[in-house]
């Protein structure tokens, strides 16, 4: 492999894929990023076996090929290079880097040892407004809580039905549900449970990337994809395993009638809650007393 790429493009791409990379002593290959050429693009891939991230960067390809390089080390090194074109050349599991007066060589790994990432070539997809999707997901993603005995509530529950997407999360004490209206009605209802960690990565990586997000489904995997603005080529793909299990029928615990209702100024109410929580105990309880009377808005 031999390519020429702008420093900022490579730096931004590495900052995305390294998000799912962590120290893995049992499988050190997971600490790396797979770099390979595809047509006129450099494809960067990383995975922790639960979540995988792919990003494509428009690049000048001199010679096709691939290599596997420690992700965080490469990202840190690239960030220190001058803002010029970078020449990358992979030979014998080593990556040679040239940028201005800088020349360096990084020892890599065998690309054949890198995990195989699931493909969704012929799968059907649903298109959702990206801003609404990421905003709605961000409002409830922190409600879910890790649970060894009940892994299903450790994830985010998605239900696609007709022209509505429902996103729900609970930790057995709190419950949040967000409804998003779809532009087109879907043919068949679809539901799945997404782990909390990839849900958070989706918000961080995909927000403000594109007007639309495509969601592809399989039996136990799911892929979220945004396309490049100038063409229909994928820009970023996030692939995740799904949680196997039956999500609780939370609709049954949502009251259909209420004895008391109140209308409040949102900002003032949140400010008072935050102030009162400073004086709460270990379980962070805040008592609310509703006094009859009129309020001037």
C-alpha atoms as a PDB file:
ATOM      1  CA  UNK A   1       0.000   0.000   0.000  1.00  0.00           C
ATOM      2  CA  UNK A   2       1.193   3.485  -0.891  1.00  0.00           C
ATOM      3  CA  UNK A   3      -0.995   6.582  -0.595  1.00  0.00           C
ATOM      4  CA  UNK A   4      -0.891  10.382  -0.233  1.00  0.00           C
ATOM      5  CA  UNK A   5      -3.365  11.946   2.181  1.00  0.00           C
ATOM      6  CA  UNK A   6      -3.942  15.312   3.855  1.00  0.00           C
ATOM      7  CA  UNK A   7      -2.915  15.407   7.497  1.00  0.00           C
ATOM      8  CA  UNK A   8      -6.248  16.786   8.757  1.00  0.00           C
ATOM      9  CA  UNK A   9      -8.260  14.160   6.868  1.00  0.00           C
ATOM     10  CA  UNK A  10      -6.216  11.316   8.346  1.00  0.00           C
ATOM     11  CA  UNK A  11      -6.244  12.859  11.826  1.00  0.00           C
ATOM     12  CA  UNK A  12     -10.037  13.289  11.806  1.00  0.00           C
ATOM     13  CA  UNK A  13     -10.569   9.748  10.534  1.00  0.00           C
ATOM     14  CA  UNK A  14      -8.331   8.218  13.177  1.00  0.00           C
ATOM     15  CA  UNK A  15     -10.039  10.221  15.929  1.00  0.00           C
ATOM     16  CA  UNK A  16     -13.310   8.515  14.963  1.00  0.00           C
ATOM     17  CA  UNK A  17     -12.160   4.899  14.699  1.00  0.00           C
ATOM     18  CA  UNK A  18      -9.986   4.994  17.815  1.00  0.00           C
ATOM     19  CA  UNK A  19     -13.105   5.585  19.940  1.00  0.00           C
ATOM     20  CA  UNK A  20     -13.854   1.849  20.015  1.00  0.00           C
ATOM     21  CA  UNK A  21     -10.227   0.847  20.549  1.00  0.00           C
ATOM     22  CA  UNK A  22      -9.002  -0.006  24.040  1.00  0.00           C
ATOM     23  CA  UNK A  23      -6.299  -1.990  25.752  1.00  0.00           C
ATOM     24  CA  UNK A  24      -7.081  -5.649  25.163  1.00  0.00           C
ATOM     25  CA  UNK A  25      -4.460  -7.951  26.680  1.00  0.00           C
ATOM     26  CA  UNK A  26      -6.113 -11.179  25.533  1.00  0.00           C
ATOM     27  CA  UNK A  27      -6.592  -9.991  21.907  1.00  0.00           C
ATOM     28  CA  UNK A  28      -3.955  -7.321  21.154  1.00  0.00           C
ATOM     29  CA  UNK A  29      -5.071  -7.171  17.500  1.00  0.00           C
ATOM     30  CA  UNK A  30      -8.129  -5.212  18.728  1.00  0.00           C
ATOM     31  CA  UNK A  31      -5.848  -2.327  19.763  1.00  0.00           C
ATOM     32  CA  UNK A  32      -5.207  -1.637  16.094  1.00  0.00           C
ATOM     33  CA  UNK A  33      -6.809   0.013  13.082  1.00  0.00           C
ATOM     34  CA  UNK A  34      -7.094  -1.758   9.740  1.00  0.00           C
ATOM     35  CA  UNK A  35      -6.107   0.569   6.892  1.00  0.00           C
ATOM     36  CA  UNK A  36      -6.932  -0.546   3.365  1.00  0.00           C
ATOM     37  CA  UNK A  37      -7.493   1.047  -0.020  1.00  0.00           C
ATOM     38  CA  UNK A  38     -10.859   0.875  -1.803  1.00  0.00           C
ATOM     39  CA  UNK A  39     -11.157   2.563  -5.211  1.00  0.00           C
ATOM     40  CA  UNK A  40     -10.138   6.190  -4.500  1.00  0.00           C
ATOM     41  CA  UNK A  41     -10.622   5.913  -0.738  1.00  0.00           C
ATOM     42  CA  UNK A  42      -8.673   4.926   2.340  1.00  0.00           C
ATOM     43  CA  UNK A  43     -10.875   2.785   4.568  1.00  0.00           C
ATOM     44  CA  UNK A  44     -10.134   2.860   8.313  1.00  0.00           C
ATOM     45  CA  UNK A  45     -11.689   0.080  10.421  1.00  0.00           C
ATOM     46  CA  UNK A  46     -11.632  -0.641  14.159  1.00  0.00           C
ATOM     47  CA  UNK A  47     -13.584  -2.959  16.437  1.00  0.00           C
ATOM     48  CA  UNK A  48     -13.866  -4.209  20.021  1.00  0.00           C
ATOM     49  CA  UNK A  49     -15.908  -7.252  18.854  1.00  0.00           C
ATOM     50  CA  UNK A  50     -19.144  -5.643  20.097  1.00  0.00           C
ATOM     51  CA  UNK A  51     -18.950  -2.485  17.979  1.00  0.00           C
ATOM     52  CA  UNK A  52     -17.116  -1.774  14.728  1.00  0.00           C
ATOM     53  CA  UNK A  53     -16.517   1.571  13.023  1.00  0.00           C
ATOM     54  CA  UNK A  54     -15.656   2.132   9.362  1.00  0.00           C
ATOM     55  CA  UNK A  55     -14.768   5.470   7.813  1.00  0.00           C
ATOM     56  CA  UNK A  56     -13.816   6.306   4.219  1.00  0.00           C
ATOM     57  CA  UNK A  57     -11.444   9.155   3.293  1.00  0.00           C
ATOM     58  CA  UNK A  58     -10.866  10.437  -0.241  1.00  0.00           C
ATOM     59  CA  UNK A  59      -7.185   9.719  -0.937  1.00  0.00           C
ATOM     60  CA  UNK A  60      -4.624   9.626  -3.727  1.00  0.00           C
ATOM     61  CA  UNK A  61      -3.878   5.933  -4.208  1.00  0.00           C
ATOM     62  CA  UNK A  62      -0.407   5.195  -5.592  1.00  0.00           C
ATOM     63  CA  UNK A  63      -0.454   1.467  -4.801  1.00  0.00           C
ATOM     64  CA  UNK A  64      -3.288  -0.604  -3.377  1.00  0.00           C
ATOM     65  CA  UNK A  65      -2.898  -2.663  -0.218  1.00  0.00           C
ATOM     66  CA  UNK A  66      -3.654  -2.859   3.500  1.00  0.00           C
ATOM     67  CA  UNK A  67      -1.960  -2.815   6.895  1.00  0.00           C
ATOM     68  CA  UNK A  68      -2.829  -3.066  10.595  1.00  0.00           C
ATOM     69  CA  UNK A  69      -1.278  -0.435  12.881  1.00  0.00           C
ATOM     70  CA  UNK A  70      -1.709   0.463  16.613  1.00  0.00           C
ATOM     71  CA  UNK A  71      -4.575   2.971  16.497  1.00  0.00           C
ATOM     72  CA  UNK A  72      -3.931   5.277  19.431  1.00  0.00           C
ATOM     73  CA  UNK A  73      -0.176   5.478  18.771  1.00  0.00           C
ATOM     74  CA  UNK A  74      -0.742   6.326  15.104  1.00  0.00           C
ATOM     75  CA  UNK A  75      -3.393   8.914  15.981  1.00  0.00           C
ATOM     76  CA  UNK A  76      -1.104  10.593  18.521  1.00  0.00           C
ATOM     77  CA  UNK A  77       1.811  10.642  16.071  1.00  0.00           C
ATOM     78  CA  UNK A  78      -0.244  12.039  13.165  1.00  0.00           C
ATOM     79  CA  UNK A  79      -1.589  14.849  15.358  1.00  0.00           C
ATOM     80  CA  UNK A  80       2.010  16.050  15.908  1.00  0.00           C
ATOM     81  CA  UNK A  81       2.882  16.198  12.192  1.00  0.00           C
ATOM     82  CA  UNK A  82       2.908  19.492  10.245  1.00  0.00           C
ATOM     83  CA  UNK A  83      -0.205  20.424   8.309  1.00  0.00           C
ATOM     84  CA  UNK A  84       1.007  18.976   5.007  1.00  0.00           C
ATOM     85  CA  UNK A  85       0.435  15.960   2.800  1.00  0.00           C
ATOM     86  CA  UNK A  86       1.418  12.656   4.360  1.00  0.00           C
ATOM     87  CA  UNK A  87       2.927   9.787   2.386  1.00  0.00           C
ATOM     88  CA  UNK A  88       2.046   6.372   3.810  1.00  0.00           C
ATOM     89  CA  UNK A  89       3.677   3.200   2.526  1.00  0.00           C
ATOM     90  CA  UNK A  90       3.110  -0.259   3.993  1.00  0.00           C
ATOM     91  CA  UNK A  91       5.755  -2.982   3.543  1.00  0.00           C
ATOM     92  CA  UNK A  92       6.212  -6.256   5.430  1.00  0.00           C
ATOM     93  CA  UNK A  93       3.742  -5.333   8.199  1.00  0.00           C
ATOM     94  CA  UNK A  94       5.487  -1.983   8.733  1.00  0.00           C
ATOM     95  CA  UNK A  95       4.097   1.470   7.937  1.00  0.00           C
ATOM     96  CA  UNK A  96       6.523   4.115   6.682  1.00  0.00           C
ATOM     97  CA  UNK A  97       5.365   7.693   7.237  1.00  0.00           C
ATOM     98  CA  UNK A  98       6.785  10.801   5.541  1.00  0.00           C
ATOM     99  CA  UNK A  99       5.525  14.345   6.139  1.00  0.00           C
ATOM    100  CA  UNK A 100       7.783  17.351   5.540  1.00  0.00           C
ATOM    101  CA  UNK A 101      11.007  16.665   7.432  1.00  0.00           C
ATOM    102  CA  UNK A 102       9.442  13.809   9.414  1.00  0.00           C
ATOM    103  CA  UNK A 103      10.213  10.199   8.574  1.00  0.00           C
ATOM    104  CA  UNK A 104       9.115   7.325  10.758  1.00  0.00           C
ATOM    105  CA  UNK A 105       8.351   3.636  10.699  1.00  0.00           C
ATOM    106  CA  UNK A 106       5.701   1.882  12.816  1.00  0.00           C
ATOM    107  CA  UNK A 107       5.599  -1.858  13.354  1.00  0.00           C
ATOM    108  CA  UNK A 108       2.211  -3.356  12.556  1.00  0.00           C
ATOM    109  CA  UNK A 109       0.454  -6.717  12.513  1.00  0.00           C
ATOM    110  CA  UNK A 110      -0.726  -9.209   9.935  1.00  0.00           C
ATOM    111  CA  UNK A 111      -3.993  -7.947   8.337  1.00  0.00           C
ATOM    112  CA  UNK A 112      -5.226 -11.557   8.114  1.00  0.00           C
ATOM    113  CA  UNK A 113      -5.447 -11.636  11.932  1.00  0.00           C
ATOM    114  CA  UNK A 114      -7.875  -8.697  12.038  1.00  0.00           C
ATOM    115  CA  UNK A 115     -11.483  -9.705  12.871  1.00  0.00           C
ATOM    116  CA  UNK A 116     -13.959 -10.008  10.009  1.00  0.00           C
ATOM    117  CA  UNK A 117     -16.545  -7.212  10.078  1.00  0.00           C
ATOM    118  CA  UNK A 118     -20.155  -8.155   9.116  1.00  0.00           C
ATOM    119  CA  UNK A 119     -21.390  -6.932   5.715  1.00  0.00           C
ATOM    120  CA  UNK A 120     -24.857  -5.566   4.882  1.00  0.00           C
ATOM    121  CA  UNK A 121     -24.611  -5.376   1.088  1.00  0.00           C
ATOM    122  CA  UNK A 122     -28.113  -6.494   0.068  1.00  0.00           C
ATOM    123  CA  UNK A 123     -29.958  -5.731   3.294  1.00  0.00           C
ATOM    124  CA  UNK A 124     -32.989  -3.456   3.394  1.00  0.00           C
ATOM    125  CA  UNK A 125     -32.654  -0.206   5.273  1.00  0.00           C
ATOM    126  CA  UNK A 126     -34.771   2.477   6.913  1.00  0.00           C
ATOM    127  CA  UNK A 127     -33.881   6.135   6.460  1.00  0.00           C
ATOM    128  CA  UNK A 128     -34.285   8.487   9.429  1.00  0.00           C
ATOM    129  CA  UNK A 129     -33.590  12.184   9.912  1.00  0.00           C
ATOM    130  CA  UNK A 130     -30.132  12.176  11.524  1.00  0.00           C
ATOM    131  CA  UNK A 131     -30.599  15.266  13.708  1.00  0.00           C
ATOM    132  CA  UNK A 132     -33.916  14.029  15.133  1.00  0.00           C
ATOM    133  CA  UNK A 133     -32.506  10.535  15.642  1.00  0.00           C
ATOM    134  CA  UNK A 134     -29.333  11.587  17.475  1.00  0.00           C
ATOM    135  CA  UNK A 135     -31.159  14.223  19.514  1.00  0.00           C
ATOM    136  CA  UNK A 136     -33.876  11.786  20.565  1.00  0.00           C
ATOM    137  CA  UNK A 137     -31.383   9.044  21.408  1.00  0.00           C
ATOM    138  CA  UNK A 138     -29.268  11.458  23.475  1.00  0.00           C
ATOM    139  CA  UNK A 139     -32.296  12.331  25.625  1.00  0.00           C
ATOM    140  CA  UNK A 140     -32.720   8.793  26.982  1.00  0.00           C
ATOM    141  CA  UNK A 141     -29.435   6.934  26.426  1.00  0.00           C
ATOM    142  CA  UNK A 142     -28.173   7.635  29.971  1.00  0.00           C
ATOM    143  CA  UNK A 143     -31.286   6.125  31.576  1.00  0.00           C
ATOM    144  CA  UNK A 144     -30.251   2.550  30.740  1.00  0.00           C
ATOM    145  CA  UNK A 145     -28.119   0.822  33.368  1.00  0.00           C
ATOM    146  CA  UNK A 146     -25.805  -2.183  33.188  1.00  0.00           C
ATOM    147  CA  UNK A 147     -27.394  -5.305  34.668  1.00  0.00           C
ATOM    148  CA  UNK A 148     -25.918  -8.812  34.767  1.00  0.00           C
ATOM    149  CA  UNK A 149     -29.207 -10.431  35.752  1.00  0.00           C
ATOM    150  CA  UNK A 150     -31.319  -8.516  33.203  1.00  0.00           C
ATOM    151  CA  UNK A 151     -29.115  -7.671  30.192  1.00  0.00           C
ATOM    152  CA  UNK A 152     -32.106  -6.518  28.143  1.00  0.00           C
ATOM    153  CA  UNK A 153     -32.573  -3.362  30.280  1.00  0.00           C
ATOM    154  CA  UNK A 154     -28.893  -2.542  29.802  1.00  0.00           C
ATOM    155  CA  UNK A 155     -29.734  -1.549  26.232  1.00  0.00           C
ATOM    156  CA  UNK A 156     -31.885   0.914  24.324  1.00  0.00           C
ATOM    157  CA  UNK A 157     -35.151  -0.426  22.918  1.00  0.00           C
ATOM    158  CA  UNK A 158     -36.135   0.603  19.366  1.00  0.00           C
ATOM    159  CA  UNK A 159     -39.539  -0.019  17.796  1.00  0.00           C
ATOM    160  CA  UNK A 160     -40.268   0.926  14.170  1.00  0.00           C
ATOM    161  CA  UNK A 161     -44.007   0.850  13.453  1.00  0.00           C
ATOM    162  CA  UNK A 162     -45.686   2.459  10.436  1.00  0.00           C
ATOM    163  CA  UNK A 163     -44.504   6.098  10.502  1.00  0.00           C
ATOM    164  CA  UNK A 164     -43.239   6.141  14.084  1.00  0.00           C
ATOM    165  CA  UNK A 165     -39.951   5.250  15.768  1.00  0.00           C
ATOM    166  CA  UNK A 166     -40.147   4.713  19.525  1.00  0.00           C
ATOM    167  CA  UNK A 167     -36.935   4.724  21.564  1.00  0.00           C
ATOM    168  CA  UNK A 168     -37.158   3.595  25.189  1.00  0.00           C
ATOM    169  CA  UNK A 169     -34.764   2.993  28.080  1.00  0.00           C
ATOM    170  CA  UNK A 170     -35.117   2.062  31.743  1.00  0.00           C
ATOM    171  CA  UNK A 171     -33.021   1.121  34.774  1.00  0.00           C
ATOM    172  CA  UNK A 172     -36.043  -0.375  36.637  1.00  0.00           C
ATOM    173  CA  UNK A 173     -36.529   2.920  38.511  1.00  0.00           C
ATOM    174  CA  UNK A 174     -36.652   5.448  35.689  1.00  0.00           C
ATOM    175  CA  UNK A 175     -38.259   5.130  32.281  1.00  0.00           C
ATOM    176  CA  UNK A 176     -37.858   7.309  29.213  1.00  0.00           C
ATOM    177  CA  UNK A 177     -39.571   7.096  25.846  1.00  0.00           C
ATOM    178  CA  UNK A 178     -39.007   9.234  22.753  1.00  0.00           C
ATOM    179  CA  UNK A 179     -41.252   9.229  19.669  1.00  0.00           C
ATOM    180  CA  UNK A 180     -39.855  10.245  16.276  1.00  0.00           C
ATOM    181  CA  UNK A 181     -42.040  10.640  13.198  1.00  0.00           C
ATOM    182  CA  UNK A 182     -40.701   8.961  10.056  1.00  0.00           C
ATOM    183  CA  UNK A 183     -41.078  10.518   6.621  1.00  0.00           C
ATOM    184  CA  UNK A 184     -42.136   7.211   5.074  1.00  0.00           C
ATOM    185  CA  UNK A 185     -44.176   4.407   6.582  1.00  0.00           C
ATOM    186  CA  UNK A 186     -42.357   1.079   6.876  1.00  0.00           C
ATOM    187  CA  UNK A 187     -43.837  -2.140   5.513  1.00  0.00           C
ATOM    188  CA  UNK A 188     -43.194  -4.326   8.554  1.00  0.00           C
ATOM    189  CA  UNK A 189     -42.765  -3.553  12.260  1.00  0.00           C
ATOM    190  CA  UNK A 190     -39.187  -3.942  13.516  1.00  0.00           C
ATOM    191  CA  UNK A 191     -37.873  -3.954  17.087  1.00  0.00           C
ATOM    192  CA  UNK A 192     -34.445  -4.552  18.617  1.00  0.00           C
ATOM    193  CA  UNK A 193     -32.320  -3.803  21.699  1.00  0.00           C
ATOM    194  CA  UNK A 194     -29.085  -1.882  21.113  1.00  0.00           C
ATOM    195  CA  UNK A 195     -26.333  -1.955  23.792  1.00  0.00           C
ATOM    196  CA  UNK A 196     -25.792   1.362  25.552  1.00  0.00           C
ATOM    197  CA  UNK A 197     -22.121   1.787  24.603  1.00  0.00           C
ATOM    198  CA  UNK A 198     -22.562   1.761  20.797  1.00  0.00           C
ATOM    199  CA  UNK A 199     -25.659   3.940  21.252  1.00  0.00           C
ATOM    200  CA  UNK A 200     -23.474   6.598  22.860  1.00  0.00           C
ATOM    201  CA  UNK A 201     -20.875   6.252  20.095  1.00  0.00           C
ATOM    202  CA  UNK A 202     -23.593   6.767  17.480  1.00  0.00           C
ATOM    203  CA  UNK A 203     -24.540  10.078  19.079  1.00  0.00           C
ATOM    204  CA  UNK A 204     -20.939  11.288  19.293  1.00  0.00           C
ATOM    205  CA  UNK A 205     -19.809  10.137  15.840  1.00  0.00           C
ATOM    206  CA  UNK A 206     -22.855  10.616  13.629  1.00  0.00           C
ATOM    207  CA  UNK A 207     -24.492  13.790  14.904  1.00  0.00           C
ATOM    208  CA  UNK A 208     -24.238  16.670  12.401  1.00  0.00           C
ATOM    209  CA  UNK A 209     -22.682  14.345   9.805  1.00  0.00           C
ATOM    210  CA  UNK A 210     -25.535  14.124   7.314  1.00  0.00           C
ATOM    211  CA  UNK A 211     -29.212  14.923   6.897  1.00  0.00           C
ATOM    212  CA  UNK A 212     -30.146  11.239   6.763  1.00  0.00           C
ATOM    213  CA  UNK A 213     -29.018   8.129   8.553  1.00  0.00           C
ATOM    214  CA  UNK A 214     -29.588   4.655   7.119  1.00  0.00           C
ATOM    215  CA  UNK A 215     -30.281   1.759   9.456  1.00  0.00           C
ATOM    216  CA  UNK A 216     -29.624  -1.787   8.174  1.00  0.00           C
ATOM    217  CA  UNK A 217     -30.848  -4.904   9.989  1.00  0.00           C
ATOM    218  CA  UNK A 218     -29.855  -8.553  10.289  1.00  0.00           C
ATOM    219  CA  UNK A 219     -30.692 -11.309  12.787  1.00  0.00           C
ATOM    220  CA  UNK A 220     -28.262 -10.250  15.519  1.00  0.00           C
ATOM    221  CA  UNK A 221     -26.398  -7.279  14.016  1.00  0.00           C
ATOM    222  CA  UNK A 222     -27.307  -3.734  13.015  1.00  0.00           C
ATOM    223  CA  UNK A 223     -25.556  -1.021  11.016  1.00  0.00           C
ATOM    224  CA  UNK A 224     -25.943   2.765  11.080  1.00  0.00           C
ATOM    225  CA  UNK A 225     -24.627   4.543   7.991  1.00  0.00           C
ATOM    226  CA  UNK A 226     -24.277   8.099   6.705  1.00  0.00           C
ATOM    227  CA  UNK A 227     -23.272   8.906   3.139  1.00  0.00           C
ATOM    228  CA  UNK A 228     -20.886  11.488   1.760  1.00  0.00           C
ATOM    229  CA  UNK A 229     -22.583  14.738   0.751  1.00  0.00           C
ATOM    230  CA  UNK A 230     -20.973  14.858  -2.713  1.00  0.00           C
ATOM    231  CA  UNK A 231     -21.868  11.291  -3.724  1.00  0.00           C
ATOM    232  CA  UNK A 232     -23.660   8.179  -2.536  1.00  0.00           C
ATOM    233  CA  UNK A 233     -20.539   6.494  -1.191  1.00  0.00           C
ATOM    234  CA  UNK A 234     -20.608   5.586   2.531  1.00  0.00           C
ATOM    235  CA  UNK A 235     -18.754   8.009   4.777  1.00  0.00           C
ATOM    236  CA  UNK A 236     -19.172   6.332   8.165  1.00  0.00           C
ATOM    237  CA  UNK A 237     -20.632   3.007   9.236  1.00  0.00           C
ATOM    238  CA  UNK A 238     -21.180   1.870  12.828  1.00  0.00           C
ATOM    239  CA  UNK A 239     -21.938  -1.834  13.215  1.00  0.00           C
ATOM    240  CA  UNK A 240     -23.056  -3.339  16.503  1.00  0.00           C
ATOM    241  CA  UNK A 241     -24.292  -6.616  17.899  1.00  0.00           C
ATOM    242  CA  UNK A 242     -27.808  -6.626  19.335  1.00  0.00           C
ATOM    243  CA  UNK A 243     -28.883  -7.765  22.794  1.00  0.00           C
ATOM    244  CA  UNK A 244     -30.755 -11.055  22.644  1.00  0.00           C
ATOM    245  CA  UNK A 245     -33.806 -10.990  24.870  1.00  0.00           C
ATOM    246  CA  UNK A 246     -37.357  -9.745  25.372  1.00  0.00           C
ATOM    247  CA  UNK A 247     -37.635  -6.125  26.438  1.00  0.00           C
ATOM    248  CA  UNK A 248     -40.079  -5.528  29.345  1.00  0.00           C
ATOM    249  CA  UNK A 249     -43.592  -4.474  28.371  1.00  0.00           C
ATOM    250  CA  UNK A 250     -43.067  -1.000  29.798  1.00  0.00           C
ATOM    251  CA  UNK A 251     -46.288   0.334  28.240  1.00  0.00           C
ATOM    252  CA  UNK A 252     -48.275  -1.387  30.984  1.00  0.00           C
ATOM    253  CA  UNK A 253     -46.720   0.715  33.751  1.00  0.00           C
ATOM    254  CA  UNK A 254     -47.330   4.079  32.055  1.00  0.00           C
ATOM    255  CA  UNK A 255     -50.459   5.606  33.638  1.00  0.00           C
ATOM    256  CA  UNK A 256     -53.312   6.370  31.249  1.00  0.00           C
ATOM    257  CA  UNK A 257     -55.019   8.745  33.718  1.00  0.00           C
ATOM    258  CA  UNK A 258     -53.566  11.270  36.158  1.00  0.00           C
ATOM    259  CA  UNK A 259     -55.086  12.625  39.352  1.00  0.00           C
ATOM    260  CA  UNK A 260     -53.022  15.810  39.375  1.00  0.00           C
ATOM    261  CA  UNK A 261     -51.344  17.817  36.635  1.00  0.00           C
ATOM    262  CA  UNK A 262     -49.212  20.956  36.705  1.00  0.00           C
ATOM    263  CA  UNK A 263     -47.816  23.345  34.113  1.00  0.00           C
ATOM    264  CA  UNK A 264     -44.358  24.695  34.894  1.00  0.00           C
ATOM    265  CA  UNK A 265     -41.709  26.852  33.323  1.00  0.00           C
ATOM    266  CA  UNK A 266     -39.143  24.299  32.173  1.00  0.00           C
ATOM    267  CA  UNK A 267     -35.943  26.279  32.769  1.00  0.00           C
ATOM    268  CA  UNK A 268     -37.040  27.487  36.204  1.00  0.00           C
ATOM    269  CA  UNK A 269     -38.177  23.978  37.196  1.00  0.00           C
ATOM    270  CA  UNK A 270     -34.872  22.398  36.153  1.00  0.00           C
ATOM    271  CA  UNK A 271     -32.934  25.075  37.999  1.00  0.00           C
ATOM    272  CA  UNK A 272     -34.871  24.431  41.213  1.00  0.00           C
ATOM    273  CA  UNK A 273     -34.420  20.656  40.880  1.00  0.00           C
ATOM    274  CA  UNK A 274     -30.648  21.048  40.446  1.00  0.00           C
ATOM    275  CA  UNK A 275     -30.474  23.366  43.454  1.00  0.00           C
ATOM    276  CA  UNK A 276     -32.488  21.028  45.666  1.00  0.00           C
ATOM    277  CA  UNK A 277     -30.431  17.996  44.572  1.00  0.00           C
ATOM    278  CA  UNK A 278     -27.328  19.582  46.123  1.00  0.00           C
ATOM    279  CA  UNK A 279     -28.890  18.967  49.536  1.00  0.00           C
ATOM    280  CA  UNK A 280     -30.187  15.453  48.807  1.00  0.00           C
ATOM    281  CA  UNK A 281     -28.851  12.289  50.414  1.00  0.00           C
ATOM    282  CA  UNK A 282     -27.038   9.325  48.954  1.00  0.00           C
ATOM    283  CA  UNK A 283     -29.992   8.233  46.856  1.00  0.00           C
ATOM    284  CA  UNK A 284     -30.447  11.772  45.460  1.00  0.00           C
ATOM    285  CA  UNK A 285     -34.124  12.022  46.317  1.00  0.00           C
ATOM    286  CA  UNK A 286     -35.957  15.327  45.841  1.00  0.00           C
ATOM    287  CA  UNK A 287     -39.498  15.750  47.200  1.00  0.00           C
ATOM    288  CA  UNK A 288     -42.045  17.715  45.196  1.00  0.00           C
ATOM    289  CA  UNK A 289     -45.000  19.445  46.878  1.00  0.00           C
ATOM    290  CA  UNK A 290     -47.760  20.805  44.626  1.00  0.00           C
ATOM    291  CA  UNK A 291     -49.683  23.673  46.213  1.00  0.00           C
ATOM    292  CA  UNK A 292     -53.011  24.740  44.784  1.00  0.00           C
ATOM    293  CA  UNK A 293     -52.999  28.201  43.324  1.00  0.00           C
ATOM    294  CA  UNK A 294     -52.535  30.215  40.206  1.00  0.00           C
ATOM    295  CA  UNK A 295     -49.226  31.002  38.537  1.00  0.00           C
ATOM    296  CA  UNK A 296     -48.633  33.945  36.235  1.00  0.00           C
ATOM    297  CA  UNK A 297     -46.601  33.169  33.111  1.00  0.00           C
END
